Amino acid sequence: MRPLCRCNLRPAAVNYKKNGKTYYRKQCDICISAKQIGFGIPNWVKSGYEKKSWCEKCGYKSSYDEQFNVFHIDGNLLNSKYTNLKTICANCQRILYKDNVEWKQGDLLPDILTN
């Protein structure tokens, strides 16, 4: 059976065949291509987080996904816990940069999980 890529979305690419046995790469063709041009799958996508269709800071709503970005509250882009991720609009992101927040918590607070 063909193994899955590291992204867990697609099957791994075929590397070569020798003596009737197929050898696979660790990644699919899309992930390999993305890595070669400097792009990869963001950690927040791998963790299962989905961008919302509204800004969690100002409440702006849009049907265009491109107007929103995923904001890491603690500033660590490798920390992709659901409680560390917020969806913010491009305008709020620019304001946070202009105010020199630079990936700091600001007025966005992490979700508190209740049992």
N, C-alpha and C. Protein backbone atom coordinates (compact mmCIF):
# COMPACT_ATOMS: atom_id res chain seq x y z
N MET A 1 0.85 -1.18 0.00
CA MET A 1 0.00 0.00 0.00
C MET A 1 0.89 1.24 0.00
N ARG A 2 0.47 2.24 -0.72
CA ARG A 2 1.23 3.47 -0.85
C ARG A 2 1.13 4.29 0.43
N PRO A 3 2.27 4.72 1.01
CA PRO A 3 2.23 5.50 2.25
C PRO A 3 1.72 6.92 2.01
N LEU A 4 1.25 7.54 3.09
CA LEU A 4 0.79 8.92 3.01
C LEU A 4 1.98 9.87 3.14
N CYS A 5 1.81 11.04 2.56
CA CYS A 5 2.80 12.11 2.67
C CYS A 5 2.83 12.61 4.12
N ARG A 6 3.87 13.39 4.46
CA ARG A 6 3.96 13.98 5.80
C ARG A 6 2.80 14.92 6.09
N CYS A 7 2.19 15.49 5.04
CA CYS A 7 1.05 16.39 5.24
C CYS A 7 -0.23 15.62 5.59
N ASN A 8 -0.21 14.32 5.45
CA ASN A 8 -1.36 13.44 5.71
C ASN A 8 -2.57 13.76 4.85
N LEU A 9 -2.34 14.37 3.69
CA LEU A 9 -3.44 14.71 2.79
C LEU A 9 -3.41 13.90 1.50
N ARG A 10 -2.21 13.54 1.02
CA ARG A 10 -2.06 12.88 -0.26
C ARG A 10 -1.06 11.72 -0.14
N PRO A 11 -1.11 10.78 -1.11
CA PRO A 11 -0.13 9.69 -1.09
C PRO A 11 1.26 10.19 -1.46
N ALA A 12 2.26 9.53 -0.93
CA ALA A 12 3.66 9.89 -1.20
C ALA A 12 3.99 9.67 -2.67
N ALA A 13 4.95 10.45 -3.16
CA ALA A 13 5.36 10.35 -4.56
C ALA A 13 6.25 9.11 -4.76
N VAL A 14 6.19 8.57 -5.96
CA VAL A 14 7.05 7.45 -6.31
C VAL A 14 8.45 7.99 -6.56
N ASN A 15 9.45 7.37 -5.94
CA ASN A 15 10.83 7.80 -6.13
C ASN A 15 11.46 7.02 -7.30
N TYR A 16 11.45 5.68 -7.21
CA TYR A 16 11.96 4.85 -8.30
C TYR A 16 11.48 3.42 -8.09
N LYS A 17 11.68 2.60 -9.14
CA LYS A 17 11.34 1.18 -9.07
C LYS A 17 12.61 0.39 -9.39
N LYS A 18 12.84 -0.65 -8.60
CA LYS A 18 14.03 -1.47 -8.80
C LYS A 18 13.69 -2.92 -8.48
N ASN A 19 14.02 -3.80 -9.41
CA ASN A 19 13.76 -5.24 -9.25
C ASN A 19 12.31 -5.53 -8.88
N GLY A 20 11.39 -4.81 -9.50
CA GLY A 20 9.97 -5.03 -9.27
C GLY A 20 9.44 -4.42 -7.98
N LYS A 21 10.29 -3.76 -7.20
CA LYS A 21 9.84 -3.14 -5.95
C LYS A 21 9.80 -1.62 -6.14
N THR A 22 8.74 -1.00 -5.62
CA THR A 22 8.56 0.44 -5.73
C THR A 22 9.03 1.12 -4.45
N TYR A 23 9.84 2.15 -4.62
CA TYR A 23 10.34 2.94 -3.49
C TYR A 23 9.68 4.32 -3.54
N TYR A 24 9.20 4.77 -2.37
CA TYR A 24 8.46 6.02 -2.30
C TYR A 24 9.26 7.11 -1.58
N ARG A 25 8.95 8.34 -1.90
CA ARG A 25 9.52 9.47 -1.19
C ARG A 25 8.72 9.68 0.10
N LYS A 26 9.19 10.60 0.95
CA LYS A 26 8.47 10.86 2.20
C LYS A 26 7.35 11.87 2.00
N GLN A 27 7.36 12.56 0.84
CA GLN A 27 6.37 13.61 0.59
C GLN A 27 5.67 13.37 -0.74
N CYS A 28 4.52 14.04 -0.90
CA CYS A 28 3.80 13.99 -2.17
C CYS A 28 4.42 15.01 -3.13
N ASP A 29 4.01 14.95 -4.39
CA ASP A 29 4.55 15.88 -5.39
C ASP A 29 4.26 17.33 -5.05
N ILE A 30 3.10 17.62 -4.49
CA ILE A 30 2.72 19.00 -4.16
C ILE A 30 3.61 19.55 -3.05
N CYS A 31 3.84 18.76 -2.01
CA CYS A 31 4.71 19.22 -0.91
C CYS A 31 6.15 19.37 -1.36
N ILE A 32 6.61 18.49 -2.23
CA ILE A 32 7.97 18.59 -2.75
C ILE A 32 8.12 19.86 -3.57
N SER A 33 7.15 20.14 -4.44
CA SER A 33 7.19 21.36 -5.26
C SER A 33 7.12 22.60 -4.39
N ALA A 34 6.27 22.58 -3.40
CA ALA A 34 6.12 23.74 -2.52
C ALA A 34 7.42 24.01 -1.77
N LYS A 35 8.09 22.97 -1.34
CA LYS A 35 9.35 23.15 -0.60
C LYS A 35 10.43 23.73 -1.51
N GLN A 36 10.45 23.31 -2.78
CA GLN A 36 11.46 23.79 -3.71
C GLN A 36 11.31 25.27 -4.01
N ILE A 37 10.08 25.79 -3.98
CA ILE A 37 9.90 27.22 -4.27
C ILE A 37 9.78 28.03 -2.99
N GLY A 38 10.03 27.40 -1.84
CA GLY A 38 10.07 28.13 -0.57
C GLY A 38 8.77 28.16 0.20
N PHE A 39 7.80 27.38 -0.23
CA PHE A 39 6.52 27.35 0.48
C PHE A 39 6.29 25.96 1.04
N GLY A 40 5.53 25.92 2.09
CA GLY A 40 5.17 24.64 2.69
C GLY A 40 3.79 24.75 3.28
N ILE A 41 3.33 23.70 3.84
CA ILE A 41 2.03 23.71 4.49
C ILE A 41 2.22 24.29 5.88
N PRO A 42 1.49 25.37 6.22
CA PRO A 42 1.64 25.98 7.54
C PRO A 42 1.28 25.00 8.65
N ASN A 43 1.93 25.16 9.79
CA ASN A 43 1.66 24.28 10.93
C ASN A 43 0.22 24.36 11.39
N TRP A 44 -0.40 25.55 11.27
CA TRP A 44 -1.78 25.67 11.72
C TRP A 44 -2.71 24.85 10.84
N VAL A 45 -2.38 24.65 9.58
CA VAL A 45 -3.19 23.80 8.70
C VAL A 45 -3.01 22.34 9.11
N LYS A 46 -1.77 21.96 9.38
CA LYS A 46 -1.48 20.59 9.80
C LYS A 46 -2.18 20.24 11.10
N SER A 47 -2.35 21.24 11.98
CA SER A 47 -2.99 20.98 13.27
C SER A 47 -4.51 20.88 13.16
N GLY A 48 -5.05 21.21 11.99
CA GLY A 48 -6.50 21.09 11.79
C GLY A 48 -7.27 22.38 12.00
N TYR A 49 -6.58 23.49 12.26
CA TYR A 49 -7.27 24.78 12.46
C TYR A 49 -7.80 25.27 11.11
N GLU A 50 -9.00 25.81 11.12
CA GLU A 50 -9.60 26.37 9.91
C GLU A 50 -9.84 27.85 10.10
N LYS A 51 -9.45 28.64 9.09
CA LYS A 51 -9.70 30.08 9.14
C LYS A 51 -11.20 30.32 9.19
N LYS A 52 -11.59 31.27 9.98
CA LYS A 52 -12.99 31.65 10.07
C LYS A 52 -13.31 32.69 9.00
N SER A 53 -14.57 32.96 8.78
CA SER A 53 -14.97 33.95 7.78
C SER A 53 -15.25 35.30 8.42
N TRP A 54 -14.75 35.52 9.64
CA TRP A 54 -14.88 36.80 10.32
C TRP A 54 -13.62 37.05 11.15
N CYS A 55 -13.37 38.32 11.44
CA CYS A 55 -12.21 38.70 12.24
C CYS A 55 -12.57 38.56 13.72
N GLU A 56 -11.73 37.87 14.45
CA GLU A 56 -11.98 37.66 15.87
C GLU A 56 -11.56 38.86 16.71
N LYS A 57 -11.00 39.89 16.07
CA LYS A 57 -10.62 41.10 16.80
C LYS A 57 -11.68 42.18 16.64
N CYS A 58 -12.06 42.48 15.39
CA CYS A 58 -13.01 43.58 15.15
C CYS A 58 -14.40 43.10 14.73
N GLY A 59 -14.54 41.83 14.38
CA GLY A 59 -15.84 41.30 14.01
C GLY A 59 -16.19 41.44 12.53
N TYR A 60 -15.27 41.95 11.71
CA TYR A 60 -15.51 42.13 10.27
C TYR A 60 -15.81 40.78 9.63
N LYS A 61 -16.82 40.74 8.75
CA LYS A 61 -17.21 39.51 8.07
C LYS A 61 -17.02 39.70 6.57
N SER A 62 -16.58 38.64 5.91
CA SER A 62 -16.38 38.68 4.47
C SER A 62 -16.52 37.28 3.91
N SER A 63 -16.91 37.22 2.64
CA SER A 63 -17.00 35.92 1.99
C SER A 63 -15.69 35.58 1.27
N TYR A 64 -14.70 36.48 1.35
CA TYR A 64 -13.41 36.25 0.72
C TYR A 64 -12.38 35.81 1.76
N ASP A 65 -11.91 34.60 1.62
CA ASP A 65 -10.94 34.01 2.56
C ASP A 65 -9.61 34.76 2.57
N GLU A 66 -9.26 35.39 1.45
CA GLU A 66 -7.97 36.06 1.32
C GLU A 66 -7.84 37.28 2.23
N GLN A 67 -8.94 37.78 2.76
CA GLN A 67 -8.90 38.97 3.62
C GLN A 67 -8.54 38.64 5.06
N PHE A 68 -8.37 37.36 5.36
CA PHE A 68 -8.10 36.95 6.73
C PHE A 68 -6.78 36.19 6.83
N ASN A 69 -6.13 36.34 7.97
CA ASN A 69 -4.88 35.65 8.26
C ASN A 69 -5.00 34.98 9.63
N VAL A 70 -4.16 33.98 9.83
CA VAL A 70 -4.13 33.30 11.12
C VAL A 70 -3.05 33.97 11.97
N PHE A 71 -3.43 34.38 13.17
CA PHE A 71 -2.56 35.11 14.09
C PHE A 71 -2.18 34.19 15.23
N HIS A 72 -0.87 34.07 15.51
CA HIS A 72 -0.38 33.29 16.64
C HIS A 72 -0.24 34.22 17.83
N ILE A 73 -1.02 34.01 18.85
CA ILE A 73 -1.10 34.93 19.98
C ILE A 73 0.23 35.07 20.70
N ASP A 74 0.91 33.94 20.95
CA ASP A 74 2.16 34.02 21.71
C ASP A 74 3.36 34.37 20.84
N GLY A 75 3.17 34.51 19.54
CA GLY A 75 4.25 34.88 18.64
C GLY A 75 5.07 33.72 18.12
N ASN A 76 4.85 32.52 18.63
CA ASN A 76 5.60 31.34 18.21
C ASN A 76 4.84 30.68 17.06
N LEU A 77 5.39 30.76 15.86
CA LEU A 77 4.72 30.20 14.70
C LEU A 77 4.68 28.67 14.72
N LEU A 78 5.46 28.06 15.58
CA LEU A 78 5.44 26.61 15.70
C LEU A 78 4.39 26.12 16.70
N ASN A 79 3.89 27.03 17.53
CA ASN A 79 2.86 26.69 18.51
C ASN A 79 1.50 26.78 17.83
N SER A 80 1.00 25.66 17.36
CA SER A 80 -0.26 25.65 16.62
C SER A 80 -1.39 25.03 17.41
N LYS A 81 -1.36 25.22 18.72
CA LYS A 81 -2.48 24.77 19.53
C LYS A 81 -3.69 25.64 19.19
N TYR A 82 -4.86 25.03 19.23
CA TYR A 82 -6.09 25.75 18.87
C TYR A 82 -6.28 27.01 19.70
N THR A 83 -5.89 26.97 20.97
CA THR A 83 -6.07 28.12 21.85
C THR A 83 -5.08 29.25 21.55
N ASN A 84 -4.05 29.00 20.74
CA ASN A 84 -3.06 30.02 20.40
C ASN A 84 -3.34 30.67 19.05
N LEU A 85 -4.35 30.22 18.34
CA LEU A 85 -4.62 30.72 17.00
C LEU A 85 -5.90 31.53 16.95
N LYS A 86 -5.84 32.64 16.25
CA LYS A 86 -7.01 33.50 16.03
C LYS A 86 -7.04 33.92 14.57
N THR A 87 -8.21 34.11 14.02
CA THR A 87 -8.35 34.63 12.67
C THR A 87 -8.56 36.13 12.76
N ILE A 88 -7.70 36.89 12.06
CA ILE A 88 -7.86 38.34 12.05
C ILE A 88 -7.85 38.83 10.60
N CYS A 89 -8.48 39.99 10.39
CA CYS A 89 -8.52 40.56 9.04
C CYS A 89 -7.19 41.26 8.74
N ALA A 90 -6.97 41.52 7.46
CA ALA A 90 -5.72 42.16 7.04
C ALA A 90 -5.57 43.54 7.67
N ASN A 91 -6.68 44.26 7.84
CA ASN A 91 -6.62 45.59 8.44
C ASN A 91 -6.15 45.51 9.89
N CYS A 92 -6.71 44.62 10.67
CA CYS A 92 -6.30 44.47 12.07
C CYS A 92 -4.84 44.03 12.16
N GLN A 93 -4.40 43.18 11.23
CA GLN A 93 -3.01 42.75 11.25
C GLN A 93 -2.08 43.93 10.99
N ARG A 94 -2.45 44.79 10.05
CA ARG A 94 -1.62 45.98 9.77
C ARG A 94 -1.58 46.92 10.97
N ILE A 95 -2.71 47.07 11.64
CA ILE A 95 -2.75 47.93 12.83
C ILE A 95 -1.86 47.37 13.93
N LEU A 96 -1.89 46.05 14.12
CA LEU A 96 -1.04 45.42 15.13
C LEU A 96 0.44 45.66 14.80
N TYR A 97 0.81 45.56 13.52
CA TYR A 97 2.19 45.83 13.12
C TYR A 97 2.55 47.29 13.32
N LYS A 98 1.63 48.19 12.95
CA LYS A 98 1.89 49.62 13.07
C LYS A 98 2.07 50.02 14.53
N ASP A 99 1.34 49.40 15.42
CA ASP A 99 1.45 49.67 16.86
C ASP A 99 2.63 48.91 17.48
N ASN A 100 3.46 48.31 16.63
CA ASN A 100 4.64 47.56 17.07
C ASN A 100 4.31 46.39 17.99
N VAL A 101 3.19 45.76 17.76
CA VAL A 101 2.83 44.60 18.57
C VAL A 101 3.69 43.41 18.16
N GLU A 102 3.96 43.27 16.86
CA GLU A 102 4.82 42.24 16.32
C GLU A 102 4.60 40.87 16.93
N TRP A 103 3.50 40.28 16.64
CA TRP A 103 3.16 38.93 17.05
C TRP A 103 3.12 38.77 18.56
N LYS A 104 2.66 39.78 19.24
CA LYS A 104 2.46 39.68 20.68
C LYS A 104 0.96 39.56 20.95
N GLN A 105 0.63 39.33 22.17
CA GLN A 105 -0.75 39.05 22.53
C GLN A 105 -1.68 40.23 22.27
N GLY A 106 -1.27 41.44 22.59
CA GLY A 106 -2.14 42.59 22.39
C GLY A 106 -3.46 42.42 23.11
N ASP A 107 -4.54 42.76 22.42
CA ASP A 107 -5.84 42.58 23.07
C ASP A 107 -6.52 41.29 22.63
N LEU A 108 -5.80 40.41 21.93
CA LEU A 108 -6.33 39.10 21.62
C LEU A 108 -5.97 38.15 22.74
N LEU A 109 -6.94 37.53 23.31
CA LEU A 109 -6.71 36.62 24.44
C LEU A 109 -6.93 35.18 23.99
N PRO A 110 -6.15 34.26 24.52
CA PRO A 110 -6.36 32.86 24.14
C PRO A 110 -7.69 32.36 24.67
N ASP A 111 -8.24 31.40 23.91
CA ASP A 111 -9.48 30.77 24.36
C ASP A 111 -9.20 29.97 25.64
N ILE A 112 -10.14 29.97 26.53
CA ILE A 112 -10.02 29.18 27.74
C ILE A 112 -10.94 27.98 27.58
N LEU A 113 -10.35 26.79 27.59
CA LEU A 113 -11.12 25.59 27.42
C LEU A 113 -11.81 25.24 28.74
N THR A 114 -13.08 25.02 28.69
CA THR A 114 -13.82 24.63 29.88
C THR A 114 -14.32 23.20 29.68
N ASN A 115 -14.34 22.47 30.73
CA ASN A 115 -14.79 21.08 30.65
C ASN A 115 -16.24 20.96 31.02
